[in-house]
C-alpha atoms as a PDB file:
ATOM      1  CA  MET A   1       4.794 -23.105  11.082  1.00  0.00           C
ATOM      2  CA  LYS A   2       2.022 -21.243  12.963  1.00  0.00           C
ATOM      3  CA  LYS A   3       3.929 -21.482  16.261  1.00  0.00           C
ATOM      4  CA  THR A   4       7.040 -20.052  14.588  1.00  0.00           C
ATOM      5  CA  LEU A   5       5.012 -17.223  13.058  1.00  0.00           C
ATOM      6  CA  ILE A   6       3.369 -16.428  16.402  1.00  0.00           C
ATOM      7  CA  LEU A   7       6.785 -16.417  18.079  1.00  0.00           C
ATOM      8  CA  LEU A   8       8.211 -14.085  15.411  1.00  0.00           C
ATOM      9  CA  VAL A   9       5.257 -11.703  15.712  1.00  0.00           C
ATOM     10  CA  THR A  10       5.587 -11.669  19.493  1.00  0.00           C
ATOM     11  CA  VAL A  11       9.325 -10.947  19.333  1.00  0.00           C
ATOM     12  CA  ALA A  12       8.780  -8.224  16.722  1.00  0.00           C
ATOM     13  CA  LEU A  13       6.122  -6.564  18.884  1.00  0.00           C
ATOM     14  CA  ILE A  14       8.311  -6.703  21.993  1.00  0.00           C
ATOM     15  CA  ILE A  15      11.217  -5.168  20.098  1.00  0.00           C
ATOM     16  CA  PHE A  16       8.936  -2.535  18.564  1.00  0.00           C
ATOM     17  CA  GLU A  17       7.497  -1.575  21.956  1.00  0.00           C
ATOM     18  CA  SER A  18      11.004  -1.361  23.400  1.00  0.00           C
ATOM     19  CA  TYR A  19      12.209   0.948  20.643  1.00  0.00           C
ATOM     20  CA  GLN A  20       8.970   2.941  20.759  1.00  0.00           C
ATOM     21  CA  GLU A  21       9.511   3.676  24.456  1.00  0.00           C
ATOM     22  CA  GLN A  22      13.029   4.897  23.617  1.00  0.00           C
ATOM     23  CA  GLY A  23      11.712   7.076  20.780  1.00  0.00           C
ATOM     24  CA  ASN A  24      13.658   5.098  18.164  1.00  0.00           C
ATOM     25  CA  PHE A  25      11.015   4.445  15.521  1.00  0.00           C
ATOM     26  CA  LEU A  26      13.396   4.094  12.579  1.00  0.00           C
ATOM     27  CA  ILE A  27      15.011   0.861  13.797  1.00  0.00           C
ATOM     28  CA  ALA A  28      11.633  -0.608  14.740  1.00  0.00           C
ATOM     29  CA  ASP A  29      10.359   0.361  11.286  1.00  0.00           C
ATOM     30  CA  ASP A  30      13.245  -1.529   9.639  1.00  0.00           C
ATOM     31  CA  LEU A  31      12.586  -4.603  11.786  1.00  0.00           C
ATOM     32  CA  LEU A  32       8.885  -4.584  10.966  1.00  0.00           C
ATOM     33  CA  GLN A  33       9.585  -4.186   7.245  1.00  0.00           C
ATOM     34  CA  THR A  34      12.009  -7.133   7.331  1.00  0.00           C
ATOM     35  CA  PHE A  35       9.450  -9.258   9.163  1.00  0.00           C
ATOM     36  CA  THR A  36       6.739  -8.298   6.664  1.00  0.00           C
ATOM     37  CA  LEU A  37       8.966  -9.197   3.709  1.00  0.00           C
ATOM     38  CA  GLU A  38       9.226 -12.780   4.968  1.00  0.00           C
ATOM     39  CA  ASN A  39       5.455 -13.304   4.903  1.00  0.00           C
ATOM     40  CA  SER A  40       3.060 -13.937   2.068  1.00  0.00           C
ATOM     41  CA  GLU A  41       2.267 -10.370   1.066  1.00  0.00           C
ATOM     42  CA  ASN A  42      -0.967 -10.660  -0.883  1.00  0.00           C
ATOM     43  CA  ASN A  43      -2.355 -13.368   1.411  1.00  0.00           C
ATOM     44  CA  SER A  44      -1.925 -10.923   4.328  1.00  0.00           C
ATOM     45  CA  LEU A  45      -4.119  -8.427   2.498  1.00  0.00           C
ATOM     46  CA  GLN A  46      -6.751 -11.074   1.752  1.00  0.00           C
ATOM     47  CA  ARG A  47      -6.698 -12.300   5.358  1.00  0.00           C
ATOM     48  CA  ALA A  48      -7.062  -8.739   6.712  1.00  0.00           C
ATOM     49  CA  PHE A  49     -10.055  -8.163   4.440  1.00  0.00           C
ATOM     50  CA  ASN A  50     -11.705 -11.482   5.313  1.00  0.00           C
ATOM     51  CA  ASN A  51     -11.247 -10.834   9.045  1.00  0.00           C
ATOM     52  CA  LYS A  52     -12.368  -7.178   8.814  1.00  0.00           C
ATOM     53  CA  GLN A  53      -9.107  -6.032  10.401  1.00  0.00           C
ATOM     54  CA  SER A  54      -7.701  -2.515  10.372  1.00  0.00           C
ATOM     55  CA  ASP A  55      -4.586  -0.671  11.535  1.00  0.00           C
ATOM     56  CA  LEU A  56      -2.268  -3.304  10.049  1.00  0.00           C
ATOM     57  CA  GLN A  57       1.038  -2.632   8.293  1.00  0.00           C
ATOM     58  CA  ILE A  58       0.852  -4.618   5.053  1.00  0.00           C
ATOM     59  CA  GLN A  59       3.187  -4.991   2.111  1.00  0.00           C
ATOM     60  CA  GLY A  60       1.955  -6.182  -1.254  1.00  0.00           C
ATOM     61  CA  ALA A  61       1.664  -5.434  -4.926  1.00  0.00           C
ATOM     62  CA  GLY A  62      -1.043  -5.119  -7.513  1.00  0.00           C
ATOM     63  CA  VAL A  63      -2.031  -3.954 -10.942  1.00  0.00           C
ATOM     64  CA  VAL A  64      -3.759  -0.589 -11.299  1.00  0.00           C
ATOM     65  CA  VAL A  65      -7.365  -1.184 -12.334  1.00  0.00           C
ATOM     66  CA  LYS A  66      -8.476   2.430 -11.985  1.00  0.00           C
ATOM     67  CA  VAL A  67      -6.832   5.802 -11.430  1.00  0.00           C
ATOM     68  CA  LEU A  68      -9.170   8.067  -9.475  1.00  0.00           C
ATOM     69  CA  ARG A  69      -9.368  11.825  -9.143  1.00  0.00           C
ATOM     70  CA  ASP A  70      -7.128  13.284  -6.411  1.00  0.00           C
ATOM     71  CA  ASP A  71      -8.768  13.879  -3.054  1.00  0.00           C
ATOM     72  CA  THR A  72      -8.149  17.584  -2.412  1.00  0.00           C
ATOM     73  CA  LYS A  73     -10.110  17.951   0.840  1.00  0.00           C
ATOM     74  CA  GLY A  74      -7.644  18.399   3.695  1.00  0.00           C
ATOM     75  CA  SER A  75      -4.313  16.755   2.891  1.00  0.00           C
ATOM     76  CA  LYS A  76      -4.099  16.000  -0.831  1.00  0.00           C
ATOM     77  CA  HIS A  77      -4.084  12.308  -1.777  1.00  0.00           C
ATOM     78  CA  GLN A  78      -3.431  10.586  -5.080  1.00  0.00           C
ATOM     79  CA  LYS A  79      -5.948   7.727  -5.263  1.00  0.00           C
ATOM     80  CA  PHE A  80      -6.022   4.556  -7.319  1.00  0.00           C
ATOM     81  CA  ILE A  81      -7.334   1.016  -7.075  1.00  0.00           C
ATOM     82  CA  LEU A  82      -5.033  -2.012  -7.213  1.00  0.00           C
ATOM     83  CA  ARG A  83      -5.960  -5.653  -7.746  1.00  0.00           C
ATOM     84  CA  ASN A  84      -3.473  -8.298  -6.634  1.00  0.00           C
ATOM     85  CA  ASN A  85      -2.921 -11.837  -7.890  1.00  0.00           C
ATOM     86  CA  THR A  86      -5.538 -13.244  -5.464  1.00  0.00           C
ATOM     87  CA  GLY A  87      -8.196 -10.963  -6.955  1.00  0.00           C
ATOM     88  CA  GLN A  88      -8.296  -8.688  -3.906  1.00  0.00           C
ATOM     89  CA  SER A  89      -8.891  -5.020  -4.701  1.00  0.00           C
ATOM     90  CA  VAL A  90      -7.674  -2.204  -2.491  1.00  0.00           C
ATOM     91  CA  LEU A  91      -7.818   1.572  -2.691  1.00  0.00           C
ATOM     92  CA  VAL A  92      -4.461   3.299  -2.271  1.00  0.00           C
ATOM     93  CA  ALA A  93      -4.621   6.821  -0.807  1.00  0.00           C
ATOM     94  CA  HIS A  94      -1.122   8.288  -1.196  1.00  0.00           C
ATOM     95  CA  ASN A  95      -0.559  11.621   0.596  1.00  0.00           C
ATOM     96  CA  ILE A  96       0.954  13.939  -2.030  1.00  0.00           C
ATOM     97  CA  ASP A  97       1.381  16.757   0.471  1.00  0.00           C
ATOM     98  CA  LEU A  98       4.050  14.591   2.162  1.00  0.00           C
ATOM     99  CA  ALA A  99       5.368  12.447  -0.714  1.00  0.00           C
ATOM    100  CA  PRO A 100       5.816  12.779  -4.475  1.00  0.00           C
ATOM    101  CA  ARG A 101       3.001  11.857  -6.846  1.00  0.00           C
ATOM    102  CA  LEU A 102       3.404   8.687  -8.929  1.00  0.00           C
ATOM    103  CA  SER A 103       3.862  10.515 -12.205  1.00  0.00           C
ATOM    104  CA  GLY A 104       2.327   8.915 -15.292  1.00  0.00           C
ATOM    105  CA  LEU A 105       0.402   6.241 -13.361  1.00  0.00           C
ATOM    106  CA  LYS A 106      -2.121   4.454 -15.578  1.00  0.00           C
ATOM    107  CA  LYS A 107      -4.369   1.412 -15.733  1.00  0.00           C
ATOM    108  CA  GLY A 108      -2.336  -1.799 -16.122  1.00  0.00           C
ATOM    109  CA  ASP A 109       0.740  -0.512 -14.267  1.00  0.00           C
ATOM    110  CA  THR A 110       2.143  -2.523 -11.356  1.00  0.00           C
ATOM    111  CA  VAL A 111       2.648  -0.832  -7.983  1.00  0.00           C
ATOM    112  CA  GLU A 112       4.192  -2.289  -4.835  1.00  0.00           C
ATOM    113  CA  PHE A 113       3.128  -0.864  -1.496  1.00  0.00           C
ATOM    114  CA  TYR A 114       3.887  -0.837   2.194  1.00  0.00           C
ATOM    115  CA  GLY A 115       1.385   1.019   4.343  1.00  0.00           C
ATOM    116  CA  GLU A 116      -1.401   0.815   6.852  1.00  0.00           C
ATOM    117  CA  TYR A 117      -4.494  -1.180   5.896  1.00  0.00           C
ATOM    118  CA  GLU A 118      -7.967  -0.039   6.912  1.00  0.00           C
ATOM    119  CA  TRP A 119     -10.859  -2.420   6.262  1.00  0.00           C
ATOM    120  CA  ASN A 120     -13.998  -1.495   4.352  1.00  0.00           C
ATOM    121  CA  ALA A 121     -16.552  -3.588   2.463  1.00  0.00           C
ATOM    122  CA  LYS A 122     -15.085  -2.633  -0.928  1.00  0.00           C
ATOM    123  CA  GLY A 123     -11.676  -4.186  -0.215  1.00  0.00           C
ATOM    124  CA  GLY A 124     -10.037  -1.715   2.120  1.00  0.00           C
ATOM    125  CA  VAL A 125      -7.679   1.232   1.932  1.00  0.00           C
ATOM    126  CA  ILE A 126      -3.894   1.415   2.097  1.00  0.00           C
ATOM    127  CA  HIS A 127      -2.587   4.719   3.440  1.00  0.00           C
ATOM    128  CA  TRP A 128       0.504   5.990   5.306  1.00  0.00           C
ATOM    129  CA  THR A 129       2.501   5.233   2.140  1.00  0.00           C
ATOM    130  CA  HIS A 130       5.018   7.949   2.976  1.00  0.00           C
ATOM    131  CA  LYS A 131       7.592   8.867   5.576  1.00  0.00           C
ATOM    132  CA  ALA A 132       5.978   9.577   8.906  1.00  0.00           C
ATOM    133  CA  PRO A 133       6.454  13.181   9.981  1.00  0.00           C
ATOM    134  CA  GLY A 134       7.933  13.364  13.453  1.00  0.00           C
ATOM    135  CA  SER A 135       8.277   9.564  13.662  1.00  0.00           C
ATOM    136  CA  ARG A 136       4.758   9.271  15.044  1.00  0.00           C
ATOM    137  CA  HIS A 137       3.873   6.372  12.769  1.00  0.00           C
ATOM    138  CA  ILE A 138       5.646   3.633  10.848  1.00  0.00           C
ATOM    139  CA  SER A 139       6.838   4.959   7.488  1.00  0.00           C
ATOM    140  CA  GLY A 140       5.425   3.449   4.326  1.00  0.00           C
ATOM    141  CA  TRP A 141       6.246   3.611   0.631  1.00  0.00           C
ATOM    142  CA  LEU A 142       5.131   2.892  -2.920  1.00  0.00           C
ATOM    143  CA  LYS A 143       7.357   1.416  -5.626  1.00  0.00           C
ATOM    144  CA  TYR A 144       6.567   2.235  -9.220  1.00  0.00           C
ATOM    145  CA  GLN A 145       8.691   1.905 -12.347  1.00  0.00           C
ATOM    146  CA  GLY A 146      11.891   1.280 -10.368  1.00  0.00           C
ATOM    147  CA  ARG A 147      11.448   4.266  -8.056  1.00  0.00           C
ATOM    148  CA  THR A 148      10.439   4.369  -4.388  1.00  0.00           C
ATOM    149  CA  TYR A 149       7.967   7.082  -3.416  1.00  0.00           C
ATOM    150  CA  GLN A 150       7.790   8.110   0.239  1.00  0.00           C
END
């Protein structure tokens, strides 16, 4: 199983690098999303936290445990804390200058995410949950109440 996973990661990275050199980020983004879907989503988040890793594209889901005040310094971000089924908490910082706000979000709601994980001692942060301007980053998204926000 581990050898297969390592092989898949290696192939995905080779393909991504190839497309990146050609400036074709959208296809690489689709390949990476497909690869991520086939892995245990919430375990990836837990593993990234335990290993103090950052700059990882992670997909997962959680229940809103707290809706925070928007961050209005620089780019505006809607912020909230999710807790997944493993008990892992993560702060989501969703750029509302580049993507729509999750309207009506409240404690107890379920949100799915795909974005970049940055480690911190409190559980980490998920950001880049929007389309990447100029294809300079992998696009992310949030899913809430049947709608995709990016």
